[in-house]
């Protein structure tokens, strides 16, 4: 089953969930704010995604800006970045789509359509 990490007040997440519903895709919804993935899970998702770790950060989020992470991330080790991501679900890019074979960050309809779950 597909897993979708979302934040209930996020309009992009709402669009993504509507898109999944319209396609008849069954999914497990995980609230990033209430059930943030731990460091081990994030490491596994990152590895499966093949994406740069920076793509897992919610770069438009308030916490990201308050912590001035755009300046700090380049000097942080991967271990430090994973610990930071695991510390607060609002730092994680959303929605986070997890299928059997892929992990996608954010909602880009074209990318999601190319997933094998449809």
N, C-alpha and C. Protein backbone atom coordinates (compact mmCIF):
# COMPACT_ATOMS: atom_id res chain seq x y z
N UNK A 1 0.84 -1.19 0.00
CA UNK A 1 0.00 0.00 0.00
C UNK A 1 0.88 1.25 0.00
N UNK A 2 0.39 2.27 -0.67
CA UNK A 2 1.07 3.55 -0.74
C UNK A 2 0.94 4.27 0.60
N UNK A 3 2.03 4.92 1.02
CA UNK A 3 1.99 5.76 2.22
C UNK A 3 2.17 7.20 1.78
N UNK A 4 1.42 8.09 2.43
CA UNK A 4 1.54 9.51 2.13
C UNK A 4 1.72 10.26 3.44
N UNK A 5 2.89 10.89 3.58
CA UNK A 5 3.15 11.75 4.74
C UNK A 5 2.67 13.14 4.38
N UNK A 6 1.74 13.67 5.18
CA UNK A 6 1.13 14.97 4.89
C UNK A 6 0.99 15.80 6.16
N UNK A 7 0.61 17.04 5.94
CA UNK A 7 0.20 17.93 7.03
C UNK A 7 -1.21 18.39 6.67
N UNK A 8 -2.15 18.21 7.58
CA UNK A 8 -3.57 18.40 7.28
C UNK A 8 -3.93 19.81 6.82
N UNK A 9 -3.16 20.82 7.20
CA UNK A 9 -3.49 22.19 6.81
C UNK A 9 -2.78 22.64 5.53
N UNK A 10 -1.99 21.76 4.95
CA UNK A 10 -1.21 22.09 3.75
C UNK A 10 -2.09 21.96 2.51
N UNK A 11 -2.20 23.03 1.74
CA UNK A 11 -3.04 23.00 0.53
C UNK A 11 -2.47 22.07 -0.53
N UNK A 12 -1.15 21.97 -0.63
CA UNK A 12 -0.55 21.06 -1.60
C UNK A 12 -0.86 19.61 -1.22
N UNK A 13 -0.83 19.31 0.07
CA UNK A 13 -1.19 17.96 0.52
C UNK A 13 -2.64 17.66 0.20
N UNK A 14 -3.51 18.63 0.40
CA UNK A 14 -4.93 18.43 0.09
C UNK A 14 -5.12 18.14 -1.40
N UNK A 15 -4.40 18.85 -2.25
CA UNK A 15 -4.47 18.60 -3.70
C UNK A 15 -3.99 17.19 -4.03
N UNK A 16 -2.89 16.79 -3.40
CA UNK A 16 -2.31 15.47 -3.65
C UNK A 16 -3.28 14.37 -3.22
N UNK A 17 -3.89 14.52 -2.06
CA UNK A 17 -4.83 13.51 -1.57
C UNK A 17 -6.07 13.44 -2.46
N UNK A 18 -6.55 14.59 -2.91
CA UNK A 18 -7.68 14.61 -3.84
C UNK A 18 -7.31 13.89 -5.13
N UNK A 19 -6.10 14.14 -5.62
CA UNK A 19 -5.63 13.50 -6.84
C UNK A 19 -5.61 11.97 -6.67
N UNK A 20 -5.08 11.50 -5.54
CA UNK A 20 -5.07 10.06 -5.26
C UNK A 20 -6.49 9.50 -5.17
N UNK A 21 -7.37 10.23 -4.48
CA UNK A 21 -8.76 9.80 -4.36
C UNK A 21 -9.42 9.71 -5.73
N UNK A 22 -9.20 10.72 -6.56
CA UNK A 22 -9.78 10.73 -7.91
C UNK A 22 -9.29 9.57 -8.76
N UNK A 23 -8.07 9.12 -8.52
CA UNK A 23 -7.49 7.99 -9.26
C UNK A 23 -7.87 6.64 -8.64
N UNK A 24 -8.53 6.69 -7.48
CA UNK A 24 -8.92 5.46 -6.81
C UNK A 24 -7.77 4.73 -6.14
N UNK A 25 -6.71 5.48 -5.81
CA UNK A 25 -5.54 4.88 -5.16
C UNK A 25 -5.77 4.80 -3.66
N UNK A 26 -5.62 3.61 -3.11
CA UNK A 26 -5.72 3.45 -1.66
C UNK A 26 -4.37 3.80 -1.04
N UNK A 27 -4.42 4.49 0.09
CA UNK A 27 -3.17 4.93 0.72
C UNK A 27 -3.33 4.98 2.23
N UNK A 28 -2.19 4.91 2.89
CA UNK A 28 -2.13 5.10 4.33
C UNK A 28 -1.66 6.54 4.56
N UNK A 29 -2.45 7.30 5.26
CA UNK A 29 -2.13 8.70 5.54
C UNK A 29 -1.39 8.80 6.87
N UNK A 30 -0.25 9.49 6.84
CA UNK A 30 0.54 9.70 8.05
C UNK A 30 0.73 11.20 8.23
N UNK A 31 0.31 11.72 9.37
CA UNK A 31 0.41 13.15 9.66
C UNK A 31 1.83 13.48 10.10
N UNK A 32 2.51 14.31 9.31
CA UNK A 32 3.90 14.67 9.61
C UNK A 32 4.07 15.39 10.94
N UNK A 33 3.07 16.17 11.30
CA UNK A 33 3.19 16.93 12.54
C UNK A 33 3.01 16.02 13.76
N UNK A 34 2.09 15.06 13.65
CA UNK A 34 1.80 14.16 14.77
C UNK A 34 2.71 12.94 14.81
N UNK A 35 3.13 12.47 13.65
CA UNK A 35 3.89 11.22 13.56
C UNK A 35 5.08 11.40 12.62
N UNK A 36 5.97 12.30 12.99
CA UNK A 36 7.16 12.59 12.18
C UNK A 36 8.02 11.33 12.04
N UNK A 37 8.48 11.04 10.82
CA UNK A 37 9.36 9.87 10.68
C UNK A 37 10.64 10.05 11.48
N UNK A 38 11.09 8.95 12.08
CA UNK A 38 12.33 9.01 12.86
C UNK A 38 13.54 8.98 11.92
N UNK A 39 14.70 9.12 12.50
CA UNK A 39 15.93 9.21 11.71
C UNK A 39 16.15 7.96 10.85
N UNK A 40 15.91 6.80 11.42
CA UNK A 40 16.10 5.55 10.69
C UNK A 40 15.16 5.49 9.47
N UNK A 41 13.91 5.86 9.66
CA UNK A 41 12.94 5.87 8.57
C UNK A 41 13.35 6.87 7.49
N UNK A 42 13.76 8.06 7.92
CA UNK A 42 14.19 9.08 6.97
C UNK A 42 15.38 8.62 6.15
N UNK A 43 16.32 7.96 6.80
CA UNK A 43 17.50 7.43 6.07
C UNK A 43 17.06 6.41 5.02
N UNK A 44 16.14 5.55 5.39
CA UNK A 44 15.64 4.53 4.47
C UNK A 44 14.90 5.18 3.29
N UNK A 45 14.04 6.16 3.59
CA UNK A 45 13.30 6.85 2.53
C UNK A 45 14.24 7.59 1.60
N UNK A 46 15.24 8.23 2.16
CA UNK A 46 16.21 8.98 1.36
C UNK A 46 16.95 8.04 0.41
N UNK A 47 17.40 6.92 0.95
CA UNK A 47 18.14 5.96 0.13
C UNK A 47 17.26 5.45 -1.03
N UNK A 48 16.03 5.12 -0.71
CA UNK A 48 15.08 4.59 -1.70
C UNK A 48 14.75 5.63 -2.77
N UNK A 49 14.77 6.90 -2.40
CA UNK A 49 14.37 7.97 -3.32
C UNK A 49 15.42 8.25 -4.39
N UNK A 50 16.69 8.12 -4.02
CA UNK A 50 17.76 8.50 -4.94
C UNK A 50 17.90 10.01 -5.10
N UNK A 51 17.20 10.77 -4.28
CA UNK A 51 17.21 12.23 -4.35
C UNK A 51 18.28 12.81 -3.43
N UNK A 52 18.73 14.04 -3.73
CA UNK A 52 19.62 14.72 -2.78
C UNK A 52 18.86 14.95 -1.46
N UNK A 53 19.56 14.88 -0.35
CA UNK A 53 18.92 15.04 0.95
C UNK A 53 18.21 16.39 1.08
N UNK A 54 18.73 17.40 0.45
CA UNK A 54 18.11 18.73 0.51
C UNK A 54 16.65 18.70 0.04
N UNK A 55 16.31 17.79 -0.86
CA UNK A 55 14.94 17.69 -1.37
C UNK A 55 13.95 17.22 -0.30
N UNK A 56 14.46 16.72 0.82
CA UNK A 56 13.58 16.28 1.90
C UNK A 56 13.22 17.42 2.86
N UNK A 57 13.82 18.57 2.65
CA UNK A 57 13.53 19.73 3.52
C UNK A 57 12.42 20.58 2.93
N UNK A 58 11.53 21.02 3.80
CA UNK A 58 10.46 21.94 3.42
C UNK A 58 11.06 23.35 3.38
N UNK A 59 11.64 23.71 2.25
CA UNK A 59 12.39 24.96 2.13
C UNK A 59 11.50 26.20 2.18
N UNK A 60 10.20 26.02 2.02
CA UNK A 60 9.31 27.18 2.10
C UNK A 60 8.66 27.31 3.48
N UNK A 61 9.01 26.42 4.38
CA UNK A 61 8.40 26.42 5.71
C UNK A 61 8.97 27.48 6.63
N UNK A 62 8.15 27.86 7.60
CA UNK A 62 8.50 28.90 8.56
C UNK A 62 9.73 28.50 9.39
N UNK A 63 9.78 27.26 9.85
CA UNK A 63 10.89 26.81 10.69
C UNK A 63 12.19 26.83 9.89
N UNK A 64 12.12 26.37 8.64
CA UNK A 64 13.30 26.37 7.77
C UNK A 64 13.86 27.79 7.65
N UNK A 65 12.98 28.75 7.45
CA UNK A 65 13.41 30.16 7.31
C UNK A 65 13.91 30.72 8.64
N UNK A 66 13.20 30.43 9.73
CA UNK A 66 13.61 30.94 11.04
C UNK A 66 14.99 30.45 11.44
N UNK A 67 15.28 29.20 11.11
CA UNK A 67 16.59 28.62 11.46
C UNK A 67 17.67 28.97 10.43
N UNK A 68 17.27 29.71 9.39
CA UNK A 68 18.18 30.10 8.31
C UNK A 68 18.93 28.89 7.75
N UNK A 69 18.17 27.84 7.48
CA UNK A 69 18.78 26.59 7.04
C UNK A 69 19.37 26.68 5.64
N UNK A 70 18.89 27.60 4.84
CA UNK A 70 19.48 27.75 3.49
C UNK A 70 20.96 28.09 3.60
N UNK A 71 21.33 28.78 4.67
CA UNK A 71 22.74 29.13 4.89
C UNK A 71 23.49 28.01 5.63
N UNK A 72 22.79 27.29 6.49
CA UNK A 72 23.44 26.32 7.37
C UNK A 72 23.58 24.92 6.77
N UNK A 73 22.60 24.50 5.97
CA UNK A 73 22.61 23.12 5.46
C UNK A 73 23.89 22.75 4.71
N UNK A 74 24.42 23.63 3.85
CA UNK A 74 25.63 23.24 3.12
C UNK A 74 26.81 22.87 4.01
N UNK A 75 26.85 23.40 5.21
CA UNK A 75 27.96 23.11 6.13
C UNK A 75 27.64 21.99 7.12
N UNK A 76 26.42 21.45 7.06
CA UNK A 76 26.02 20.39 7.99
C UNK A 76 26.33 19.03 7.39
N UNK A 77 26.70 18.09 8.25
CA UNK A 77 26.91 16.72 7.81
C UNK A 77 25.55 16.07 7.53
N UNK A 78 25.56 14.96 6.81
CA UNK A 78 24.31 14.24 6.58
C UNK A 78 23.69 13.80 7.90
N UNK A 79 24.52 13.34 8.83
CA UNK A 79 24.00 12.91 10.13
C UNK A 79 23.26 14.05 10.82
N UNK A 80 23.84 15.24 10.79
CA UNK A 80 23.20 16.41 11.41
C UNK A 80 21.88 16.75 10.69
N UNK A 81 21.88 16.64 9.38
CA UNK A 81 20.66 16.93 8.62
C UNK A 81 19.56 15.92 8.94
N UNK A 82 19.90 14.64 9.02
CA UNK A 82 18.90 13.63 9.36
C UNK A 82 18.34 13.86 10.77
N UNK A 83 19.20 14.18 11.72
CA UNK A 83 18.75 14.47 13.08
C UNK A 83 17.78 15.65 13.09
N UNK A 84 18.11 16.68 12.33
CA UNK A 84 17.27 17.86 12.24
C UNK A 84 15.91 17.52 11.64
N UNK A 85 15.90 16.79 10.53
CA UNK A 85 14.64 16.39 9.90
C UNK A 85 13.77 15.57 10.85
N UNK A 86 14.41 14.70 11.62
CA UNK A 86 13.67 13.84 12.54
C UNK A 86 13.15 14.60 13.76
N UNK A 87 13.67 15.79 13.98
CA UNK A 87 13.30 16.56 15.17
C UNK A 87 11.95 17.26 15.03
N UNK A 88 11.50 17.52 13.81
CA UNK A 88 10.25 18.27 13.62
C UNK A 88 9.68 17.97 12.23
N UNK A 89 8.48 17.42 12.21
CA UNK A 89 7.83 17.07 10.95
C UNK A 89 7.58 18.25 10.03
N UNK A 90 7.54 19.44 10.59
CA UNK A 90 7.30 20.62 9.76
C UNK A 90 8.53 20.97 8.92
N UNK A 91 9.65 20.34 9.18
CA UNK A 91 10.85 20.54 8.36
C UNK A 91 10.86 19.63 7.13
N UNK A 92 10.02 18.61 7.14
CA UNK A 92 10.01 17.61 6.07
C UNK A 92 9.14 18.09 4.91
N UNK A 93 9.69 17.98 3.71
CA UNK A 93 8.96 18.34 2.48
C UNK A 93 7.70 17.50 2.39
N UNK A 94 6.63 18.14 2.01
CA UNK A 94 5.36 17.42 1.94
C UNK A 94 4.61 17.75 0.66
N UNK A 95 3.76 16.86 0.24
CA UNK A 95 3.60 15.50 0.75
C UNK A 95 4.80 14.65 0.38
N UNK A 96 4.96 13.59 1.11
CA UNK A 96 6.01 12.62 0.87
C UNK A 96 5.31 11.32 0.48
N UNK A 97 5.47 10.92 -0.77
CA UNK A 97 4.80 9.73 -1.30
C UNK A 97 5.76 8.55 -1.26
N UNK A 98 5.32 7.46 -0.66
CA UNK A 98 6.15 6.27 -0.55
C UNK A 98 5.40 5.09 -1.18
N UNK A 99 5.96 4.57 -2.26
CA UNK A 99 5.40 3.39 -2.91
C UNK A 99 6.37 2.22 -2.68
N UNK A 100 6.05 1.09 -3.26
CA UNK A 100 6.91 -0.08 -3.12
C UNK A 100 8.32 0.21 -3.65
N UNK A 101 8.39 0.95 -4.75
CA UNK A 101 9.67 1.17 -5.43
C UNK A 101 10.22 2.58 -5.36
N UNK A 102 9.40 3.55 -4.98
CA UNK A 102 9.82 4.95 -5.07
C UNK A 102 9.45 5.75 -3.84
N UNK A 103 10.16 6.88 -3.71
CA UNK A 103 9.80 7.91 -2.74
C UNK A 103 9.87 9.22 -3.49
N UNK A 104 8.78 9.98 -3.44
CA UNK A 104 8.73 11.28 -4.10
C UNK A 104 8.47 12.36 -3.06
N UNK A 105 9.14 13.50 -3.21
CA UNK A 105 8.93 14.63 -2.30
C UNK A 105 8.13 15.70 -3.03
N UNK A 106 7.15 16.25 -2.36
CA UNK A 106 6.32 17.27 -2.98
C UNK A 106 5.30 16.64 -3.92
N UNK A 107 4.39 17.46 -4.42
CA UNK A 107 3.37 16.96 -5.34
C UNK A 107 3.58 17.59 -6.71
N UNK A 108 4.12 16.78 -7.59
CA UNK A 108 4.23 17.14 -8.99
C UNK A 108 3.44 16.09 -9.74
N UNK A 109 2.30 16.50 -10.27
CA UNK A 109 1.36 15.55 -10.86
C UNK A 109 2.02 14.63 -11.88
N UNK A 110 2.88 15.18 -12.73
CA UNK A 110 3.54 14.36 -13.76
C UNK A 110 4.39 13.26 -13.14
N UNK A 111 5.15 13.61 -12.10
CA UNK A 111 5.97 12.59 -11.40
C UNK A 111 5.09 11.51 -10.78
N UNK A 112 4.01 11.94 -10.16
CA UNK A 112 3.13 10.98 -9.50
C UNK A 112 2.47 10.07 -10.53
N UNK A 113 2.10 10.62 -11.69
CA UNK A 113 1.48 9.79 -12.73
C UNK A 113 2.43 8.73 -13.24
N UNK A 114 3.71 8.99 -13.20
CA UNK A 114 4.71 8.04 -13.71
C UNK A 114 4.98 6.90 -12.73
N UNK A 115 4.46 7.00 -11.51
CA UNK A 115 4.63 5.93 -10.53
C UNK A 115 3.83 4.70 -10.96
N UNK A 116 4.32 3.56 -10.60
CA UNK A 116 3.71 2.30 -11.02
C UNK A 116 2.44 1.95 -10.24
N UNK A 117 2.04 2.75 -9.24
CA UNK A 117 0.90 2.39 -8.42
C UNK A 117 -0.45 2.69 -9.08
N UNK A 118 -0.41 3.37 -10.22
CA UNK A 118 -1.66 3.73 -10.90
C UNK A 118 -1.97 2.71 -11.97
